[in-house]
N, C-alpha and C. Protein backbone atom coordinates (compact mmCIF):
# COMPACT_ATOMS: atom_id res chain seq x y z
N MET A 1 0.78 -1.78 0.18
CA MET A 1 0.29 -0.04 0.02
C MET A 1 0.68 1.31 -0.08
N PRO A 2 0.79 1.82 -1.01
CA PRO A 2 1.40 3.07 -1.06
C PRO A 2 1.67 4.13 0.95
N PRO A 3 2.38 5.38 1.18
CA PRO A 3 2.46 5.59 1.15
C PRO A 3 0.94 6.90 1.97
N THR A 4 0.41 7.48 2.64
CA THR A 4 -0.81 8.14 2.86
C THR A 4 -0.12 9.44 3.34
N ILE A 5 -1.25 10.60 2.87
CA ILE A 5 -0.57 11.98 3.25
C ILE A 5 0.33 11.95 4.68
N GLY A 6 -0.38 11.49 5.83
CA GLY A 6 0.07 11.43 6.79
C GLY A 6 1.73 10.82 7.08
N ASP A 7 1.63 9.48 6.23
CA ASP A 7 2.95 8.50 6.05
C ASP A 7 3.88 10.43 5.68
N ARG A 8 3.32 10.96 4.55
CA ARG A 8 4.62 11.72 3.96
C ARG A 8 4.51 13.10 4.56
N LEU A 9 3.62 13.24 5.33
CA LEU A 9 4.49 14.78 6.47
C LEU A 9 5.23 14.25 7.25
N ALA A 10 4.47 12.89 8.09
CA ALA A 10 5.60 12.49 8.70
C ALA A 10 6.87 11.87 8.21
N HIS A 11 7.15 11.62 6.87
CA HIS A 11 8.40 11.06 6.24
C HIS A 11 9.37 12.77 6.31
N ILE A 12 8.67 14.05 5.87
CA ILE A 12 9.22 14.53 5.86
C ILE A 12 9.47 15.25 7.38
N LEU A 13 9.07 15.53 8.72
CA LEU A 13 8.90 16.02 9.43
C LEU A 13 10.44 15.47 9.90
N ASP A 14 10.67 13.96 9.97
CA ASP A 14 11.52 13.37 10.27
C ASP A 14 12.97 13.90 9.68
N ALA A 15 12.47 13.86 8.75
CA ALA A 15 13.80 14.37 7.54
C ALA A 15 14.31 15.59 8.07
N ILE A 16 13.40 16.61 8.64
CA ILE A 16 13.72 18.02 9.38
C ILE A 16 14.37 17.55 10.43
N LYS A 17 13.74 16.64 11.70
CA LYS A 17 14.43 16.63 12.48
C LYS A 17 16.28 16.11 12.12
N SER A 18 16.28 14.86 11.07
CA SER A 18 17.24 14.40 11.04
C SER A 18 18.51 15.33 10.88
N ILE A 19 18.05 16.76 9.78
CA ILE A 19 18.63 17.53 9.54
C ILE A 19 19.21 18.37 10.54
N GLU A 20 17.89 18.85 11.92
CA GLU A 20 18.63 19.58 12.36
C GLU A 20 19.81 18.90 13.48
N LEU A 21 19.25 17.56 13.91
CA LEU A 21 20.17 16.68 14.46
C LEU A 21 21.64 17.17 13.77
N LEU A 22 21.79 16.50 12.63
CA LEU A 22 23.27 16.50 12.02
C LEU A 22 24.03 17.73 11.63
N LEU A 23 22.62 18.54 11.63
CA LEU A 23 23.34 20.30 12.01
C LEU A 23 24.36 20.95 13.53
N GLU A 24 23.33 20.16 14.34
CA GLU A 24 23.42 20.28 15.70
C GLU A 24 24.99 19.58 16.28
N GLU A 25 25.60 18.63 15.88
CA GLU A 25 26.16 17.42 16.01
C GLU A 25 27.71 18.04 15.46
N HIS A 26 27.70 18.42 14.20
CA HIS A 26 28.70 18.77 13.30
C HIS A 26 28.45 20.10 12.53
N SER A 27 29.45 20.63 12.13
CA SER A 27 30.33 22.20 11.88
C SER A 27 29.96 22.14 10.18
N GLN A 28 30.08 23.47 10.12
CA GLN A 28 30.07 23.15 8.51
C GLN A 28 31.36 22.97 7.76
N THR A 29 32.74 22.84 7.92
CA THR A 29 33.59 21.96 8.11
C THR A 29 33.61 20.78 8.44
N ASP A 30 33.11 20.03 9.09
CA ASP A 30 32.91 19.10 9.29
C ASP A 30 31.81 18.03 7.86
N LEU A 31 30.66 18.33 7.43
CA LEU A 31 30.47 18.77 6.51
C LEU A 31 30.55 18.43 5.40
N ALA A 32 31.77 19.36 5.05
CA ALA A 32 32.56 19.71 4.16
C ALA A 32 33.50 18.78 3.41
N ASN A 33 34.00 18.26 5.04
CA ASN A 33 35.26 17.60 5.09
C ASN A 33 34.97 15.86 4.84
N ASN A 34 33.40 15.41 5.26
CA ASN A 34 32.97 14.35 5.73
C ASN A 34 31.73 13.92 4.45
N ARG A 35 32.59 13.34 3.42
CA ARG A 35 31.62 12.97 2.42
C ARG A 35 30.25 12.04 2.34
N HIS A 36 30.45 11.88 3.23
CA HIS A 36 29.25 10.37 3.81
C HIS A 36 28.65 11.11 4.91
N MET A 37 29.23 12.14 5.40
CA MET A 37 28.22 13.02 6.12
C MET A 37 27.22 14.61 5.67
N ARG A 38 28.08 14.75 4.98
CA ARG A 38 26.98 15.34 3.46
C ARG A 38 26.28 14.94 2.44
N MET A 39 26.41 13.35 2.53
CA MET A 39 25.76 12.57 1.89
C MET A 39 24.54 12.09 2.16
N ALA A 40 24.68 12.32 3.59
CA ALA A 40 23.34 12.20 4.72
C ALA A 40 22.26 13.27 4.24
N LEU A 41 22.73 14.89 4.18
CA LEU A 41 22.12 16.14 4.40
C LEU A 41 21.72 16.04 3.20
N GLU A 42 22.26 15.73 2.38
CA GLU A 42 21.72 15.28 0.63
C GLU A 42 20.67 14.68 0.89
N ARG A 43 20.62 13.63 1.81
CA ARG A 43 19.45 12.71 1.51
C ARG A 43 18.06 13.16 2.62
N GLU A 44 18.47 13.63 3.12
CA GLU A 44 17.26 14.09 3.91
C GLU A 44 16.14 14.82 3.39
N PHE A 45 17.23 16.28 2.56
CA PHE A 45 17.07 17.59 1.61
C PHE A 45 16.13 16.29 0.30
N GLU A 46 16.55 15.33 0.05
CA GLU A 46 15.98 13.92 -1.00
C GLU A 46 14.39 13.88 -0.66
N ILE A 47 14.62 13.45 0.56
CA ILE A 47 13.33 12.75 0.85
C ILE A 47 11.96 13.70 1.05
N ILE A 48 12.80 15.12 1.37
CA ILE A 48 11.61 15.99 2.12
C ILE A 48 11.15 16.66 0.49
N SER A 49 12.06 16.38 -0.14
CA SER A 49 11.37 16.83 -1.97
C SER A 49 10.46 16.00 -2.41
N GLU A 50 10.96 14.51 -2.38
CA GLU A 50 9.99 13.75 -2.67
C GLU A 50 9.00 13.83 -2.64
N ALA A 51 8.44 14.04 -1.01
CA ALA A 51 7.03 13.86 -0.20
C ALA A 51 6.54 14.78 -0.34
N SER A 52 7.12 15.86 -0.28
CA SER A 52 6.21 17.32 -0.80
C SER A 52 5.69 17.05 -1.84
N ARG A 53 5.86 16.62 -2.91
CA ARG A 53 5.78 16.59 -4.41
C ARG A 53 4.43 15.77 -4.21
N ARG A 54 3.92 14.87 -3.27
CA ARG A 54 2.95 14.53 -3.24
C ARG A 54 2.10 15.05 -2.19
N ILE A 55 2.32 15.54 -1.59
CA ILE A 55 1.15 16.82 -0.43
C ILE A 55 0.06 17.58 -1.18
N PRO A 56 -0.95 17.37 -1.48
CA PRO A 56 -2.16 17.64 -2.41
C PRO A 56 -2.36 19.17 -2.07
N ALA A 57 -2.12 19.64 -3.16
CA ALA A 57 -2.89 21.03 -3.35
C ALA A 57 -2.89 22.12 -2.20
N LYS A 58 -4.84 21.71 -2.12
CA LYS A 58 -5.90 21.30 -0.56
C LYS A 58 -4.47 21.91 0.50
N TYR A 59 -3.29 21.17 1.07
CA TYR A 59 -2.76 21.80 2.16
C TYR A 59 -1.60 23.20 1.96
N LYS A 60 -1.34 22.85 0.78
CA LYS A 60 0.24 23.64 0.79
C LYS A 60 -0.34 25.13 0.38
N THR A 61 -1.40 25.23 -0.40
CA THR A 61 -2.51 26.49 -0.56
C THR A 61 -2.84 27.21 0.99
N THR A 62 -3.01 26.84 1.86
CA THR A 62 -3.26 26.83 2.94
C THR A 62 -1.67 27.56 3.96
N ASN A 63 -1.24 27.87 3.27
CA ASN A 63 0.55 28.29 3.20
C ASN A 63 1.51 28.60 3.00
N GLU A 64 1.06 30.02 1.90
CA GLU A 64 2.07 30.46 1.50
C GLU A 64 3.20 31.25 1.46
N GLY A 65 3.43 30.75 2.78
CA GLY A 65 5.64 31.11 3.16
C GLY A 65 6.15 30.42 2.66
N ILE A 66 5.47 28.78 2.45
CA ILE A 66 6.53 28.01 2.09
C ILE A 66 6.98 27.62 0.48
N ASP A 67 7.57 27.57 0.22
CA ASP A 67 8.22 27.58 -1.16
C ASP A 67 8.23 26.21 -1.87
N TRP A 68 6.90 25.66 -2.41
CA TRP A 68 7.11 24.12 -2.42
C TRP A 68 7.97 23.80 -3.58
N MET A 69 7.66 25.52 -4.43
CA MET A 69 8.61 24.68 -6.15
C MET A 69 9.67 24.42 -5.43
N ARG A 70 10.28 25.25 -4.77
CA ARG A 70 11.73 25.73 -5.17
C ARG A 70 11.96 24.67 -3.68
N MET A 71 11.56 24.07 -3.14
CA MET A 71 11.36 22.30 -2.38
C MET A 71 11.72 21.21 -3.36
N ALA A 72 10.49 21.59 -4.83
CA ALA A 72 11.08 19.87 -5.28
C ALA A 72 11.96 20.53 -6.29
N ASP A 73 12.15 21.29 -6.60
CA ASP A 73 13.28 21.95 -7.35
C ASP A 73 14.80 21.61 -7.18
N LEU A 74 14.74 21.18 -5.39
CA LEU A 74 16.00 20.50 -5.59
C LEU A 74 16.45 19.52 -5.04
N GLY A 75 15.17 18.82 -5.13
CA GLY A 75 15.18 17.39 -5.36
C GLY A 75 15.86 16.74 -6.47
N ASN A 76 15.46 17.59 -7.53
CA ASN A 76 16.06 17.46 -8.89
C ASN A 76 17.56 17.98 -9.28
N ARG A 77 17.89 19.45 -8.65
CA ARG A 77 19.06 19.36 -8.32
C ARG A 77 20.37 18.21 -7.47
N LEU A 78 19.43 17.77 -6.46
CA LEU A 78 20.28 16.70 -5.82
C LEU A 78 20.02 15.55 -6.70
N ARG A 79 19.33 15.43 -7.32
CA ARG A 79 19.61 13.84 -8.05
C ARG A 79 20.36 14.03 -9.45
N HIS A 80 20.29 15.29 -10.30
CA HIS A 80 20.57 15.10 -11.07
C HIS A 80 22.04 16.36 -11.76
N ALA A 81 21.75 17.10 -10.76
CA ALA A 81 23.38 17.90 -10.40
C ALA A 81 23.95 17.86 -9.34
N TYR A 82 24.18 16.81 -8.70
CA TYR A 82 25.01 15.96 -7.55
C TYR A 82 26.22 16.31 -7.81
N ASP A 83 26.82 16.85 -8.83
CA ASP A 83 28.26 17.17 -8.79
C ASP A 83 28.31 18.43 -8.12
N HIS A 84 27.14 18.99 -8.19
CA HIS A 84 27.67 21.08 -7.56
C HIS A 84 26.24 21.45 -7.48
N ILE A 85 26.37 20.51 -6.28
CA ILE A 85 25.74 20.64 -4.79
C ILE A 85 26.58 21.70 -4.22
N ASP A 86 26.08 23.19 -3.72
CA ASP A 86 26.73 23.70 -2.70
C ASP A 86 26.03 23.58 -1.29
N LEU A 87 27.15 23.23 -0.61
CA LEU A 87 26.67 23.02 0.70
C LEU A 87 26.01 24.06 1.24
N GLY A 88 26.84 25.57 0.87
CA GLY A 88 26.02 27.14 2.13
C GLY A 88 25.05 26.94 1.31
N ILE A 89 24.30 26.70 0.37
CA ILE A 89 22.64 26.85 0.10
C ILE A 89 21.76 25.79 0.96
N LEU A 90 22.33 24.18 1.09
CA LEU A 90 21.92 23.79 1.49
C LEU A 90 21.71 24.18 3.44
N LEU A 91 22.72 24.46 3.80
CA LEU A 91 22.55 25.58 5.05
C LEU A 91 22.08 26.41 5.09
N GLN A 92 21.71 26.88 3.73
CA GLN A 92 20.71 28.04 4.48
C GLN A 92 18.88 27.79 4.10
N ILE A 93 18.58 26.97 3.40
CA ILE A 93 17.73 26.45 3.19
C ILE A 93 17.41 26.01 4.52
N SER A 94 18.02 24.96 5.64
CA SER A 94 17.78 24.29 6.56
C SER A 94 17.93 25.69 7.91
N GLU A 95 18.33 27.40 7.65
CA GLU A 95 18.28 28.08 8.78
C GLU A 95 16.90 28.76 8.15
N LYS A 96 16.88 28.74 6.63
CA LYS A 96 15.67 29.71 6.69
C LYS A 96 14.00 28.69 6.18
N ASP A 97 14.23 27.93 5.12
CA ASP A 97 13.65 27.31 5.18
C ASP A 97 12.26 26.00 6.08
N LEU A 98 13.71 25.95 6.32
CA LEU A 98 12.80 24.50 7.43
C LEU A 98 11.97 24.46 8.40
N PRO A 99 12.82 26.18 9.12
CA PRO A 99 11.89 26.07 10.64
C PRO A 99 9.99 26.33 9.82
N PRO A 100 9.70 26.85 9.38
CA PRO A 100 8.47 26.97 8.80
C PRO A 100 7.48 25.79 8.53
N LEU A 101 8.23 25.17 7.70
CA LEU A 101 8.24 24.00 6.93
C LEU A 101 7.44 22.99 8.53
N LYS A 102 8.77 22.73 9.18
CA LYS A 102 8.71 21.96 9.90
C LYS A 102 7.10 22.15 11.04
N ARG A 103 6.59 23.60 11.31
CA ARG A 103 6.01 24.39 11.82
C ARG A 103 4.64 24.01 11.45
N PHE A 104 4.73 24.14 10.16
CA PHE A 104 3.29 23.90 9.33
C PHE A 104 3.47 21.96 9.10
N ILE A 105 3.67 21.36 9.19
CA ILE A 105 3.98 19.86 9.01
C ILE A 105 3.21 19.47 10.37
N GLU A 106 3.90 20.11 11.61
CA GLU A 106 3.61 19.65 12.76
C GLU A 106 1.47 20.63 13.16
N GLU A 107 1.70 21.65 12.58
CA GLU A 107 -0.18 21.69 12.98
C GLU A 107 -0.94 21.06 12.07
N ILE A 108 -0.09 20.51 10.95
CA ILE A 108 -1.21 19.56 9.64
C ILE A 108 -1.58 18.36 10.84
N LEU A 109 -0.31 17.91 11.10
CA LEU A 109 -0.31 16.89 11.66
C LEU A 109 -1.33 16.42 13.21
N SER A 110 -0.91 17.81 14.17
CA SER A 110 -1.73 17.61 14.55
C SER A 110 -3.44 17.89 14.82
N GLU A 111 -3.66 18.53 13.12
CA GLU A 111 -4.61 18.94 13.62
C GLU A 111 -5.46 17.43 12.97
N GLU A 112 -5.15 16.78 12.04
CA GLU A 112 -5.16 15.46 11.85
C GLU A 112 -5.49 14.19 12.65
N SER A 113 -4.57 14.92 13.56
CA SER A 113 -4.51 13.84 14.85
C SER A 113 -6.20 13.84 16.06
N GLY A 114 -6.35 15.09 15.78
CA GLY A 114 -7.68 15.49 16.68
C GLY A 114 -7.09 16.22 18.05
N ASN A 115 -5.58 16.40 18.14
CA ASN A 115 -5.01 17.29 18.90
C ASN A 115 -4.73 18.66 19.14
């Protein structure tokens, strides 16, 4: 059975939390110099991108502060231009774009669960 919308939202939230933990535990220099850590960071962004593509428009239109197209485009870039990924951009997205996305996902999941 394919993942539900709730599953997709949970996947996004889990990926955000993994990114937060990775960035909390490792410096930018660590990430730049450790291929495996950088790949883990990139994979979490791929998960966010792919799961976000499967979120219905009715959810996306309730929060126009989230750049859904940019999120989808990032996944394409990670998959197809993997050799030109700028760590600084990923860190900027982590800082600017993930906090509002996290709040939005948590609100939807809370509403869906009736809390």
